[in-house]
């Protein structure tokens, strides 16, 4: 576990927890590290929600698939970021999403019940851990509502511009990188990839933006 300490210190779940307590805490929580190959399913849709995942290396995509097999990309988690916490806290009987390794990844899995229910050792850090988890859930809820606001737009152009303007605001600059390639961006915006590419090309011609792969500049 020690080799992952630098990453774990960046995870919101462990904010305000001293490093010398962290390793003891992980043992108390029964945390385990699992290696996943690219495209491997970390958490499967339809299975009971039990674990909170923390990305230690690589990245994980949170995906939802409809009846016809159309994908919607809800989020991508990178090193130090969590996934699955809302469903695990709610003790969801059947996960409505799948979590897929975007690349070879090391993932820490923690049984959520070990966080929500204090152990017999009465560890002093446990209240801080619960507070951190609740704060993370609140932040994720805000991000979820932002995605709803974006995907509720009528056209591909409106969805794309709403997303790009939000990313520019977060970056504090009209030049920024996004975490998605074209297919992932289409899945996130819930639009057709060819239609998205055509709209980006049109916006370039109109002098509204410049783009290269994941880099965008609003003009």
C-alpha atoms as a PDB file:
ATOM      1  CA  UNK A   1       0.000   0.000   0.000  1.00  0.00           C
ATOM      2  CA  UNK A   2       2.852   2.414   0.750  1.00  0.00           C
ATOM      3  CA  UNK A   3       3.693   2.915  -2.938  1.00  0.00           C
ATOM      4  CA  UNK A   4       0.218   4.385  -3.463  1.00  0.00           C
ATOM      5  CA  UNK A   5       0.400   6.938  -0.630  1.00  0.00           C
ATOM      6  CA  UNK A   6       1.124   9.907  -2.891  1.00  0.00           C
ATOM      7  CA  UNK A   7      -2.005   9.156  -4.940  1.00  0.00           C
ATOM      8  CA  UNK A   8      -4.174   8.378  -1.904  1.00  0.00           C
ATOM      9  CA  UNK A   9      -3.303  11.735  -0.343  1.00  0.00           C
ATOM     10  CA  UNK A  10      -4.999  13.422  -3.328  1.00  0.00           C
ATOM     11  CA  UNK A  11      -8.214  11.401  -2.916  1.00  0.00           C
ATOM     12  CA  UNK A  12     -11.073  13.449  -1.396  1.00  0.00           C
ATOM     13  CA  UNK A  13     -12.027  10.487   0.795  1.00  0.00           C
ATOM     14  CA  UNK A  14      -8.817  10.868   2.806  1.00  0.00           C
ATOM     15  CA  UNK A  15      -8.743  14.668   3.152  1.00  0.00           C
ATOM     16  CA  UNK A  16      -7.556  15.939   6.558  1.00  0.00           C
ATOM     17  CA  UNK A  17      -6.368  12.447   7.566  1.00  0.00           C
ATOM     18  CA  UNK A  18      -2.746  12.196   8.677  1.00  0.00           C
ATOM     19  CA  UNK A  19      -0.427  10.047   6.612  1.00  0.00           C
ATOM     20  CA  UNK A  20       0.654   8.009   9.616  1.00  0.00           C
ATOM     21  CA  UNK A  21      -3.015   7.102  10.161  1.00  0.00           C
ATOM     22  CA  UNK A  22      -3.733   6.296   6.520  1.00  0.00           C
ATOM     23  CA  UNK A  23      -2.109   2.861   6.285  1.00  0.00           C
ATOM     24  CA  UNK A  24      -3.711   1.759   9.549  1.00  0.00           C
ATOM     25  CA  UNK A  25      -7.036   3.018   8.272  1.00  0.00           C
ATOM     26  CA  UNK A  26      -6.773   1.055   5.025  1.00  0.00           C
ATOM     27  CA  UNK A  27      -6.155  -2.117   7.022  1.00  0.00           C
ATOM     28  CA  UNK A  28      -9.153  -1.360   9.235  1.00  0.00           C
ATOM     29  CA  UNK A  29     -11.333  -0.811   6.151  1.00  0.00           C
ATOM     30  CA  UNK A  30     -10.186  -4.027   4.485  1.00  0.00           C
ATOM     31  CA  UNK A  31      -9.068  -2.112   1.386  1.00  0.00           C
ATOM     32  CA  UNK A  32      -7.732  -4.224  -1.469  1.00  0.00           C
ATOM     33  CA  UNK A  33      -5.910  -3.312  -4.681  1.00  0.00           C
ATOM     34  CA  UNK A  34      -6.887  -5.085  -7.905  1.00  0.00           C
ATOM     35  CA  UNK A  35      -5.231  -4.759 -11.323  1.00  0.00           C
ATOM     36  CA  UNK A  36      -7.532  -4.558 -14.346  1.00  0.00           C
ATOM     37  CA  UNK A  37      -6.610  -4.860 -18.006  1.00  0.00           C
ATOM     38  CA  UNK A  38      -7.874  -2.389 -20.608  1.00  0.00           C
ATOM     39  CA  UNK A  39     -11.627  -2.702 -21.296  1.00  0.00           C
ATOM     40  CA  UNK A  40     -12.092  -4.987 -18.288  1.00  0.00           C
ATOM     41  CA  UNK A  41     -15.266  -4.507 -16.252  1.00  0.00           C
ATOM     42  CA  UNK A  42     -14.496  -3.267 -12.734  1.00  0.00           C
ATOM     43  CA  UNK A  43     -18.108  -2.993 -11.567  1.00  0.00           C
ATOM     44  CA  UNK A  44     -20.845  -4.616 -13.650  1.00  0.00           C
ATOM     45  CA  UNK A  45     -24.318  -3.242 -14.338  1.00  0.00           C
ATOM     46  CA  UNK A  46     -26.998  -5.311 -12.621  1.00  0.00           C
ATOM     47  CA  UNK A  47     -24.756  -6.454  -9.783  1.00  0.00           C
ATOM     48  CA  UNK A  48     -25.322  -5.310  -6.164  1.00  0.00           C
ATOM     49  CA  UNK A  49     -23.528  -2.066  -5.273  1.00  0.00           C
ATOM     50  CA  UNK A  50     -21.056  -2.806  -2.511  1.00  0.00           C
ATOM     51  CA  UNK A  51     -17.686  -1.232  -3.252  1.00  0.00           C
ATOM     52  CA  UNK A  52     -16.271   2.248  -3.524  1.00  0.00           C
ATOM     53  CA  UNK A  53     -13.474   2.347  -6.090  1.00  0.00           C
ATOM     54  CA  UNK A  54     -10.416   4.597  -6.054  1.00  0.00           C
ATOM     55  CA  UNK A  55      -8.241   4.850  -9.154  1.00  0.00           C
ATOM     56  CA  UNK A  56      -4.566   4.439  -8.229  1.00  0.00           C
ATOM     57  CA  UNK A  57      -3.256   4.317 -11.807  1.00  0.00           C
ATOM     58  CA  UNK A  58      -4.882   4.383 -15.225  1.00  0.00           C
ATOM     59  CA  UNK A  59      -8.490   5.524 -15.582  1.00  0.00           C
ATOM     60  CA  UNK A  60     -12.044   4.218 -15.358  1.00  0.00           C
ATOM     61  CA  UNK A  61     -15.127   5.078 -17.429  1.00  0.00           C
ATOM     62  CA  UNK A  62     -18.579   5.123 -15.855  1.00  0.00           C
ATOM     63  CA  UNK A  63     -20.915   3.961 -18.630  1.00  0.00           C
ATOM     64  CA  UNK A  64     -24.661   3.457 -19.001  1.00  0.00           C
ATOM     65  CA  UNK A  65     -26.181   1.338 -21.757  1.00  0.00           C
ATOM     66  CA  UNK A  66     -29.802   1.573 -22.875  1.00  0.00           C
ATOM     67  CA  UNK A  67     -32.027  -1.258 -24.133  1.00  0.00           C
ATOM     68  CA  UNK A  68     -30.789  -0.813 -27.714  1.00  0.00           C
ATOM     69  CA  UNK A  69     -27.111  -0.839 -26.784  1.00  0.00           C
ATOM     70  CA  UNK A  70     -26.525   2.916 -27.046  1.00  0.00           C
ATOM     71  CA  UNK A  71     -23.783   4.071 -24.687  1.00  0.00           C
ATOM     72  CA  UNK A  72     -23.816   7.136 -22.486  1.00  0.00           C
ATOM     73  CA  UNK A  73     -20.543   8.157 -20.855  1.00  0.00           C
ATOM     74  CA  UNK A  74     -21.356   9.598 -17.442  1.00  0.00           C
ATOM     75  CA  UNK A  75     -17.840  10.330 -16.204  1.00  0.00           C
ATOM     76  CA  UNK A  76     -14.180   9.355 -16.330  1.00  0.00           C
ATOM     77  CA  UNK A  77     -12.221   8.856 -13.108  1.00  0.00           C
ATOM     78  CA  UNK A  78      -8.441   9.304 -13.064  1.00  0.00           C
ATOM     79  CA  UNK A  79      -5.778   8.707 -10.383  1.00  0.00           C
ATOM     80  CA  UNK A  80      -6.941   9.793  -6.935  1.00  0.00           C
ATOM     81  CA  UNK A  81     -10.616   9.933  -7.941  1.00  0.00           C
ATOM     82  CA  UNK A  82     -13.482   7.788  -6.657  1.00  0.00           C
ATOM     83  CA  UNK A  83     -16.394   6.039  -8.308  1.00  0.00           C
ATOM     84  CA  UNK A  84     -19.411   4.039  -7.183  1.00  0.00           C
ATOM     85  CA  UNK A  85     -19.812   5.772  -3.828  1.00  0.00           C
ATOM     86  CA  UNK A  86     -23.406   6.981  -4.358  1.00  0.00           C
ATOM     87  CA  UNK A  87     -24.668   3.520  -5.328  1.00  0.00           C
ATOM     88  CA  UNK A  88     -22.728   1.794  -2.539  1.00  0.00           C
ATOM     89  CA  UNK A  89     -24.024   4.220   0.114  1.00  0.00           C
ATOM     90  CA  UNK A  90     -27.580   3.685  -1.146  1.00  0.00           C
ATOM     91  CA  UNK A  91     -27.027  -0.095  -1.063  1.00  0.00           C
ATOM     92  CA  UNK A  92     -28.402  -0.284  -4.610  1.00  0.00           C
ATOM     93  CA  UNK A  93     -29.512  -3.835  -5.374  1.00  0.00           C
ATOM     94  CA  UNK A  94     -28.650  -3.605  -9.088  1.00  0.00           C
ATOM     95  CA  UNK A  95     -26.084  -1.139 -10.409  1.00  0.00           C
ATOM     96  CA  UNK A  96     -27.559   1.000 -13.234  1.00  0.00           C
ATOM     97  CA  UNK A  97     -24.069   1.603 -14.661  1.00  0.00           C
ATOM     98  CA  UNK A  98     -20.887  -0.276 -15.482  1.00  0.00           C
ATOM     99  CA  UNK A  99     -17.377   0.868 -14.655  1.00  0.00           C
ATOM    100  CA  UNK A 100     -14.819  -0.073 -17.309  1.00  0.00           C
ATOM    101  CA  UNK A 101     -11.018   0.212 -17.209  1.00  0.00           C
ATOM    102  CA  UNK A 102     -10.120   2.674 -19.971  1.00  0.00           C
ATOM    103  CA  UNK A 103      -6.517   1.428 -19.853  1.00  0.00           C
ATOM    104  CA  UNK A 104      -4.544  -0.991 -17.647  1.00  0.00           C
ATOM    105  CA  UNK A 105      -5.423   0.269 -14.168  1.00  0.00           C
ATOM    106  CA  UNK A 106      -4.766  -0.336 -10.486  1.00  0.00           C
ATOM    107  CA  UNK A 107      -7.983   0.106  -8.512  1.00  0.00           C
ATOM    108  CA  UNK A 108      -8.488   0.171  -4.749  1.00  0.00           C
ATOM    109  CA  UNK A 109     -11.819  -1.324  -3.671  1.00  0.00           C
ATOM    110  CA  UNK A 110     -13.310  -0.591  -0.247  1.00  0.00           C
ATOM    111  CA  UNK A 111     -16.481  -2.188   1.088  1.00  0.00           C
ATOM    112  CA  UNK A 112     -18.689   0.838   1.773  1.00  0.00           C
ATOM    113  CA  UNK A 113     -20.221  -0.760   4.863  1.00  0.00           C
ATOM    114  CA  UNK A 114     -16.799  -0.593   6.532  1.00  0.00           C
ATOM    115  CA  UNK A 115     -16.931   3.195   6.178  1.00  0.00           C
ATOM    116  CA  UNK A 116     -20.559   3.764   7.144  1.00  0.00           C
ATOM    117  CA  UNK A 117     -20.404   1.554  10.213  1.00  0.00           C
ATOM    118  CA  UNK A 118     -17.681   2.290  12.744  1.00  0.00           C
ATOM    119  CA  UNK A 119     -15.521  -0.637  13.786  1.00  0.00           C
ATOM    120  CA  UNK A 120     -14.997  -2.019  17.289  1.00  0.00           C
ATOM    121  CA  UNK A 121     -11.633  -0.238  17.479  1.00  0.00           C
ATOM    122  CA  UNK A 122     -13.486   3.120  17.548  1.00  0.00           C
ATOM    123  CA  UNK A 123     -10.842   4.671  15.270  1.00  0.00           C
ATOM    124  CA  UNK A 124     -10.567   8.431  15.728  1.00  0.00           C
ATOM    125  CA  UNK A 125     -10.355   9.093  11.990  1.00  0.00           C
ATOM    126  CA  UNK A 126     -13.702   7.487  11.178  1.00  0.00           C
ATOM    127  CA  UNK A 127     -15.874  10.575  11.646  1.00  0.00           C
ATOM    128  CA  UNK A 128     -13.591  12.526   9.300  1.00  0.00           C
ATOM    129  CA  UNK A 129     -13.867   9.708   6.768  1.00  0.00           C
ATOM    130  CA  UNK A 130     -17.684   9.812   6.846  1.00  0.00           C
ATOM    131  CA  UNK A 131     -17.642  13.617   6.511  1.00  0.00           C
ATOM    132  CA  UNK A 132     -15.318  13.348   3.490  1.00  0.00           C
ATOM    133  CA  UNK A 133     -17.593  10.763   1.881  1.00  0.00           C
ATOM    134  CA  UNK A 134     -20.690  12.937   2.335  1.00  0.00           C
ATOM    135  CA  UNK A 135     -18.868  15.949   0.877  1.00  0.00           C
ATOM    136  CA  UNK A 136     -17.779  13.903  -2.145  1.00  0.00           C
ATOM    137  CA  UNK A 137     -21.362  12.772  -2.724  1.00  0.00           C
ATOM    138  CA  UNK A 138     -22.517  16.393  -2.684  1.00  0.00           C
ATOM    139  CA  UNK A 139     -19.873  17.405  -5.246  1.00  0.00           C
ATOM    140  CA  UNK A 140     -20.786  14.472  -7.517  1.00  0.00           C
ATOM    141  CA  UNK A 141     -24.454  15.481  -7.275  1.00  0.00           C
ATOM    142  CA  UNK A 142     -23.592  18.967  -8.539  1.00  0.00           C
ATOM    143  CA  UNK A 143     -21.623  17.509 -11.452  1.00  0.00           C
ATOM    144  CA  UNK A 144     -24.520  15.211 -12.300  1.00  0.00           C
ATOM    145  CA  UNK A 145     -26.908  18.159 -12.482  1.00  0.00           C
ATOM    146  CA  UNK A 146     -24.446  20.013 -14.714  1.00  0.00           C
ATOM    147  CA  UNK A 147     -24.481  17.070 -17.119  1.00  0.00           C
ATOM    148  CA  UNK A 148     -28.290  17.054 -17.129  1.00  0.00           C
ATOM    149  CA  UNK A 149     -28.305  20.772 -17.978  1.00  0.00           C
ATOM    150  CA  UNK A 150     -25.939  20.131 -20.897  1.00  0.00           C
ATOM    151  CA  UNK A 151     -27.661  17.069 -22.357  1.00  0.00           C
ATOM    152  CA  UNK A 152     -31.087  18.719 -22.002  1.00  0.00           C
ATOM    153  CA  UNK A 153     -30.139  21.187 -24.760  1.00  0.00           C
ATOM    154  CA  UNK A 154     -32.007  20.596 -28.010  1.00  0.00           C
ATOM    155  CA  UNK A 155     -29.239  20.407 -30.608  1.00  0.00           C
ATOM    156  CA  UNK A 156     -25.746  18.936 -30.854  1.00  0.00           C
ATOM    157  CA  UNK A 157     -24.371  22.451 -31.295  1.00  0.00           C
ATOM    158  CA  UNK A 158     -26.082  23.725 -28.121  1.00  0.00           C
ATOM    159  CA  UNK A 159     -24.895  20.707 -26.108  1.00  0.00           C
ATOM    160  CA  UNK A 160     -21.335  21.072 -27.361  1.00  0.00           C
ATOM    161  CA  UNK A 161     -21.134  24.819 -26.700  1.00  0.00           C
ATOM    162  CA  UNK A 162     -22.691  24.452 -23.231  1.00  0.00           C
ATOM    163  CA  UNK A 163     -20.056  21.839 -22.378  1.00  0.00           C
ATOM    164  CA  UNK A 164     -17.141  23.830 -23.807  1.00  0.00           C
ATOM    165  CA  UNK A 165     -18.208  27.037 -22.057  1.00  0.00           C
ATOM    166  CA  UNK A 166     -18.392  25.160 -18.762  1.00  0.00           C
ATOM    167  CA  UNK A 167     -14.892  23.724 -19.303  1.00  0.00           C
ATOM    168  CA  UNK A 168     -13.540  27.192 -20.158  1.00  0.00           C
ATOM    169  CA  UNK A 169     -15.064  28.565 -16.962  1.00  0.00           C
ATOM    170  CA  UNK A 170     -13.489  25.775 -14.902  1.00  0.00           C
ATOM    171  CA  UNK A 171     -10.099  26.352 -16.542  1.00  0.00           C
ATOM    172  CA  UNK A 172     -10.370  30.125 -16.181  1.00  0.00           C
ATOM    173  CA  UNK A 173      -9.176  30.427 -19.773  1.00  0.00           C
ATOM    174  CA  UNK A 174     -10.458  30.286 -23.335  1.00  0.00           C
ATOM    175  CA  UNK A 175      -7.791  27.629 -23.986  1.00  0.00           C
ATOM    176  CA  UNK A 176      -8.253  24.278 -22.264  1.00  0.00           C
ATOM    177  CA  UNK A 177      -8.072  20.502 -22.602  1.00  0.00           C
ATOM    178  CA  UNK A 178     -11.032  18.178 -22.113  1.00  0.00           C
ATOM    179  CA  UNK A 179     -10.751  14.613 -20.736  1.00  0.00           C
ATOM    180  CA  UNK A 180     -12.545  12.994 -23.708  1.00  0.00           C
ATOM    181  CA  UNK A 181     -11.658  11.914 -27.226  1.00  0.00           C
ATOM    182  CA  UNK A 182     -14.291  12.429 -29.942  1.00  0.00           C
ATOM    183  CA  UNK A 183     -16.182   9.185 -29.320  1.00  0.00           C
ATOM    184  CA  UNK A 184     -16.147   9.715 -25.555  1.00  0.00           C
ATOM    185  CA  UNK A 185     -17.333  13.304 -25.988  1.00  0.00           C
ATOM    186  CA  UNK A 186     -20.172  12.103 -28.210  1.00  0.00           C
ATOM    187  CA  UNK A 187     -21.119   9.492 -25.610  1.00  0.00           C
ATOM    188  CA  UNK A 188     -20.994  12.108 -22.832  1.00  0.00           C
ATOM    189  CA  UNK A 189     -23.161  14.566 -24.777  1.00  0.00           C
ATOM    190  CA  UNK A 190     -25.435  11.699 -25.900  1.00  0.00           C
ATOM    191  CA  UNK A 191     -25.111  12.585 -29.585  1.00  0.00           C
ATOM    192  CA  UNK A 192     -23.967  10.857 -32.760  1.00  0.00           C
ATOM    193  CA  UNK A 193     -20.199  11.003 -33.289  1.00  0.00           C
ATOM    194  CA  UNK A 194     -20.391  11.933 -36.972  1.00  0.00           C
ATOM    195  CA  UNK A 195     -22.855  14.722 -36.178  1.00  0.00           C
ATOM    196  CA  UNK A 196     -20.567  15.989 -33.416  1.00  0.00           C
ATOM    197  CA  UNK A 197     -17.516  16.003 -35.704  1.00  0.00           C
ATOM    198  CA  UNK A 198     -19.502  17.864 -38.373  1.00  0.00           C
ATOM    199  CA  UNK A 199     -20.592  20.473 -35.834  1.00  0.00           C
ATOM    200  CA  UNK A 200     -17.024  20.998 -34.594  1.00  0.00           C
ATOM    201  CA  UNK A 201     -15.872  21.473 -38.193  1.00  0.00           C
ATOM    202  CA  UNK A 202     -18.673  23.963 -38.782  1.00  0.00           C
ATOM    203  CA  UNK A 203     -17.754  25.950 -35.643  1.00  0.00           C
ATOM    204  CA  UNK A 204     -14.139  26.049 -36.835  1.00  0.00           C
ATOM    205  CA  UNK A 205     -15.203  27.445 -40.221  1.00  0.00           C
ATOM    206  CA  UNK A 206     -17.350  30.066 -38.513  1.00  0.00           C
ATOM    207  CA  UNK A 207     -14.359  31.208 -36.467  1.00  0.00           C
ATOM    208  CA  UNK A 208     -15.996  30.309 -33.150  1.00  0.00           C
ATOM    209  CA  UNK A 209     -13.351  27.842 -31.984  1.00  0.00           C
ATOM    210  CA  UNK A 210     -10.119  26.094 -32.770  1.00  0.00           C
ATOM    211  CA  UNK A 211      -9.527  22.471 -31.783  1.00  0.00           C
ATOM    212  CA  UNK A 212      -6.949  19.731 -32.025  1.00  0.00           C
ATOM    213  CA  UNK A 213      -7.747  16.381 -30.472  1.00  0.00           C
ATOM    214  CA  UNK A 214      -8.580  17.145 -26.801  1.00  0.00           C
ATOM    215  CA  UNK A 215      -7.467  20.781 -26.919  1.00  0.00           C
ATOM    216  CA  UNK A 216      -9.957  23.572 -27.573  1.00  0.00           C
ATOM    217  CA  UNK A 217      -9.730  27.332 -27.895  1.00  0.00           C
ATOM    218  CA  UNK A 218     -12.799  29.572 -27.886  1.00  0.00           C
ATOM    219  CA  UNK A 219     -12.366  32.605 -30.120  1.00  0.00           C
END
